[in-house]
Protein backbone atom coordinates (compact mmCIF):
# COMPACT_ATOMS: atom_id res chain seq x y z
CA UNK A 1 0.00 0.00 0.00
CA UNK A 2 2.85 2.29 -0.75
CA UNK A 3 2.12 5.95 -1.24
CA UNK A 4 -0.90 5.91 1.06
CA UNK A 5 -0.94 6.50 4.77
CA UNK A 6 -1.94 3.59 6.91
CA UNK A 7 -4.08 3.95 10.00
CA UNK A 8 -3.42 2.34 13.33
CA UNK A 9 -5.91 -0.32 14.31
CA UNK A 10 -6.64 1.57 17.54
CA UNK A 11 -7.93 4.56 15.55
CA UNK A 12 -10.88 2.61 14.15
CA UNK A 13 -14.42 2.84 15.41
CA UNK A 14 -16.85 -0.06 15.63
CA UNK A 15 -18.57 0.52 12.29
CA UNK A 16 -15.32 0.91 10.39
CA UNK A 17 -13.63 -2.11 12.00
CA UNK A 18 -16.69 -4.25 11.30
CA UNK A 19 -16.83 -3.15 7.66
CA UNK A 20 -13.12 -3.82 7.15
CA UNK A 21 -13.42 -7.33 8.55
CA UNK A 22 -16.37 -8.10 6.31
CA UNK A 23 -14.84 -6.56 3.19
CA UNK A 24 -11.56 -8.40 3.71
CA UNK A 25 -13.23 -11.80 3.90
CA UNK A 26 -12.38 -12.20 7.60
CA UNK A 27 -15.84 -11.48 8.96
CA UNK A 28 -16.94 -15.07 9.37
CA UNK A 29 -18.46 -15.70 12.77
CA UNK A 30 -19.02 -12.02 13.55
CA UNK A 31 -22.18 -11.28 15.48
CA UNK A 32 -24.54 -8.81 13.82
CA UNK A 33 -23.27 -5.24 14.11
CA UNK A 34 -26.42 -4.19 15.95
CA UNK A 35 -25.64 -6.75 18.66
CA UNK A 36 -22.18 -5.38 19.46
CA UNK A 37 -21.99 -1.74 18.41
CA UNK A 38 -23.18 -0.38 21.75
CA UNK A 39 -21.54 -3.00 23.96
CA UNK A 40 -18.42 -2.17 25.96
CA UNK A 41 -16.67 -5.26 24.62
CA UNK A 42 -17.77 -4.83 20.98
CA UNK A 43 -14.98 -2.54 19.79
CA UNK A 44 -12.32 -4.49 21.68
CA UNK A 45 -13.53 -7.71 20.07
CA UNK A 46 -13.41 -6.26 16.56
CA UNK A 47 -10.00 -4.66 17.03
CA UNK A 48 -8.64 -7.93 18.40
CA UNK A 49 -9.89 -9.73 15.31
CA UNK A 50 -8.15 -7.17 13.09
CA UNK A 51 -4.96 -7.39 15.13
CA UNK A 52 -4.86 -11.14 14.56
CA UNK A 53 -4.63 -10.68 10.78
CA UNK A 54 -1.29 -11.12 9.06
CA UNK A 55 0.78 -8.09 8.03
CA UNK A 56 0.03 -8.50 4.34
CA UNK A 57 -3.72 -8.38 4.94
CA UNK A 58 -3.39 -5.37 7.24
CA UNK A 59 -1.33 -3.60 4.60
CA UNK A 60 -3.97 -4.34 1.96
CA UNK A 61 -6.59 -2.84 4.29
CA UNK A 62 -4.45 0.25 4.89
CA UNK A 63 -3.85 -0.62 8.54
CA UNK A 64 -0.89 -0.99 10.84
CA UNK A 65 -0.53 -2.30 14.35
CA UNK A 66 1.43 0.69 15.61
CA UNK A 67 3.03 -0.82 18.74
CA UNK A 68 2.38 -3.03 21.72
CA UNK A 69 -1.04 -1.52 22.38
CA UNK A 70 -2.22 -2.76 19.00
CA UNK A 71 -1.29 -6.39 19.61
CA UNK A 72 -4.51 -7.54 21.19
CA UNK A 73 -4.69 -5.84 24.60
CA UNK A 74 -7.56 -3.55 23.72
CA UNK A 75 -9.60 -3.90 26.88
CA UNK A 76 -6.73 -3.41 29.32
C-alpha atoms as a PDB file:
ATOM      1  CA  UNK A   1       0.000   0.000   0.000  1.00  0.00           C
ATOM      2  CA  UNK A   2       2.851   2.288  -0.747  1.00  0.00           C
ATOM      3  CA  UNK A   3       2.116   5.951  -1.243  1.00  0.00           C
ATOM      4  CA  UNK A   4      -0.899   5.913   1.063  1.00  0.00           C
ATOM      5  CA  UNK A   5      -0.941   6.498   4.771  1.00  0.00           C
ATOM      6  CA  UNK A   6      -1.944   3.588   6.909  1.00  0.00           C
ATOM      7  CA  UNK A   7      -4.080   3.947  10.001  1.00  0.00           C
ATOM      8  CA  UNK A   8      -3.421   2.335  13.332  1.00  0.00           C
ATOM      9  CA  UNK A   9      -5.912  -0.316  14.307  1.00  0.00           C
ATOM     10  CA  UNK A  10      -6.639   1.567  17.544  1.00  0.00           C
ATOM     11  CA  UNK A  11      -7.935   4.555  15.550  1.00  0.00           C
ATOM     12  CA  UNK A  12     -10.884   2.607  14.153  1.00  0.00           C
ATOM     13  CA  UNK A  13     -14.420   2.845  15.406  1.00  0.00           C
ATOM     14  CA  UNK A  14     -16.850  -0.063  15.630  1.00  0.00           C
ATOM     15  CA  UNK A  15     -18.574   0.517  12.289  1.00  0.00           C
ATOM     16  CA  UNK A  16     -15.322   0.907  10.388  1.00  0.00           C
ATOM     17  CA  UNK A  17     -13.630  -2.107  11.999  1.00  0.00           C
ATOM     18  CA  UNK A  18     -16.694  -4.254  11.305  1.00  0.00           C
ATOM     19  CA  UNK A  19     -16.835  -3.150   7.662  1.00  0.00           C
ATOM     20  CA  UNK A  20     -13.123  -3.820   7.148  1.00  0.00           C
ATOM     21  CA  UNK A  21     -13.416  -7.333   8.553  1.00  0.00           C
ATOM     22  CA  UNK A  22     -16.371  -8.103   6.313  1.00  0.00           C
ATOM     23  CA  UNK A  23     -14.835  -6.557   3.191  1.00  0.00           C
ATOM     24  CA  UNK A  24     -11.560  -8.400   3.707  1.00  0.00           C
ATOM     25  CA  UNK A  25     -13.231 -11.803   3.899  1.00  0.00           C
ATOM     26  CA  UNK A  26     -12.382 -12.202   7.595  1.00  0.00           C
ATOM     27  CA  UNK A  27     -15.837 -11.479   8.956  1.00  0.00           C
ATOM     28  CA  UNK A  28     -16.944 -15.074   9.373  1.00  0.00           C
ATOM     29  CA  UNK A  29     -18.461 -15.700  12.770  1.00  0.00           C
ATOM     30  CA  UNK A  30     -19.020 -12.023  13.548  1.00  0.00           C
ATOM     31  CA  UNK A  31     -22.180 -11.282  15.485  1.00  0.00           C
ATOM     32  CA  UNK A  32     -24.544  -8.811  13.822  1.00  0.00           C
ATOM     33  CA  UNK A  33     -23.268  -5.241  14.106  1.00  0.00           C
ATOM     34  CA  UNK A  34     -26.420  -4.192  15.954  1.00  0.00           C
ATOM     35  CA  UNK A  35     -25.643  -6.751  18.660  1.00  0.00           C
ATOM     36  CA  UNK A  36     -22.182  -5.380  19.460  1.00  0.00           C
ATOM     37  CA  UNK A  37     -21.991  -1.735  18.405  1.00  0.00           C
ATOM     38  CA  UNK A  38     -23.180  -0.384  21.746  1.00  0.00           C
ATOM     39  CA  UNK A  39     -21.541  -2.999  23.957  1.00  0.00           C
ATOM     40  CA  UNK A  40     -18.420  -2.174  25.963  1.00  0.00           C
ATOM     41  CA  UNK A  41     -16.666  -5.260  24.620  1.00  0.00           C
ATOM     42  CA  UNK A  42     -17.765  -4.830  20.983  1.00  0.00           C
ATOM     43  CA  UNK A  43     -14.980  -2.539  19.792  1.00  0.00           C
ATOM     44  CA  UNK A  44     -12.321  -4.490  21.681  1.00  0.00           C
ATOM     45  CA  UNK A  45     -13.529  -7.708  20.073  1.00  0.00           C
ATOM     46  CA  UNK A  46     -13.409  -6.264  16.556  1.00  0.00           C
ATOM     47  CA  UNK A  47     -10.000  -4.664  17.029  1.00  0.00           C
ATOM     48  CA  UNK A  48      -8.637  -7.931  18.404  1.00  0.00           C
ATOM     49  CA  UNK A  49      -9.886  -9.728  15.308  1.00  0.00           C
ATOM     50  CA  UNK A  50      -8.148  -7.170  13.089  1.00  0.00           C
ATOM     51  CA  UNK A  51      -4.959  -7.389  15.129  1.00  0.00           C
ATOM     52  CA  UNK A  52      -4.863 -11.145  14.563  1.00  0.00           C
ATOM     53  CA  UNK A  53      -4.634 -10.678  10.777  1.00  0.00           C
ATOM     54  CA  UNK A  54      -1.286 -11.115   9.061  1.00  0.00           C
ATOM     55  CA  UNK A  55       0.781  -8.094   8.031  1.00  0.00           C
ATOM     56  CA  UNK A  56       0.032  -8.501   4.335  1.00  0.00           C
ATOM     57  CA  UNK A  57      -3.724  -8.385   4.943  1.00  0.00           C
ATOM     58  CA  UNK A  58      -3.393  -5.374   7.236  1.00  0.00           C
ATOM     59  CA  UNK A  59      -1.325  -3.601   4.600  1.00  0.00           C
ATOM     60  CA  UNK A  60      -3.968  -4.342   1.959  1.00  0.00           C
ATOM     61  CA  UNK A  61      -6.588  -2.840   4.293  1.00  0.00           C
ATOM     62  CA  UNK A  62      -4.452   0.250   4.892  1.00  0.00           C
ATOM     63  CA  UNK A  63      -3.854  -0.621   8.543  1.00  0.00           C
ATOM     64  CA  UNK A  64      -0.890  -0.991  10.840  1.00  0.00           C
ATOM     65  CA  UNK A  65      -0.531  -2.299  14.354  1.00  0.00           C
ATOM     66  CA  UNK A  66       1.429   0.686  15.609  1.00  0.00           C
ATOM     67  CA  UNK A  67       3.026  -0.816  18.737  1.00  0.00           C
ATOM     68  CA  UNK A  68       2.380  -3.030  21.724  1.00  0.00           C
ATOM     69  CA  UNK A  69      -1.039  -1.524  22.377  1.00  0.00           C
ATOM     70  CA  UNK A  70      -2.223  -2.763  18.998  1.00  0.00           C
ATOM     71  CA  UNK A  71      -1.288  -6.391  19.612  1.00  0.00           C
ATOM     72  CA  UNK A  72      -4.515  -7.538  21.195  1.00  0.00           C
ATOM     73  CA  UNK A  73      -4.687  -5.842  24.600  1.00  0.00           C
ATOM     74  CA  UNK A  74      -7.561  -3.547  23.725  1.00  0.00           C
ATOM     75  CA  UNK A  75      -9.596  -3.901  26.882  1.00  0.00           C
ATOM     76  CA  UNK A  76      -6.734  -3.405  29.322  1.00  0.00           C
END
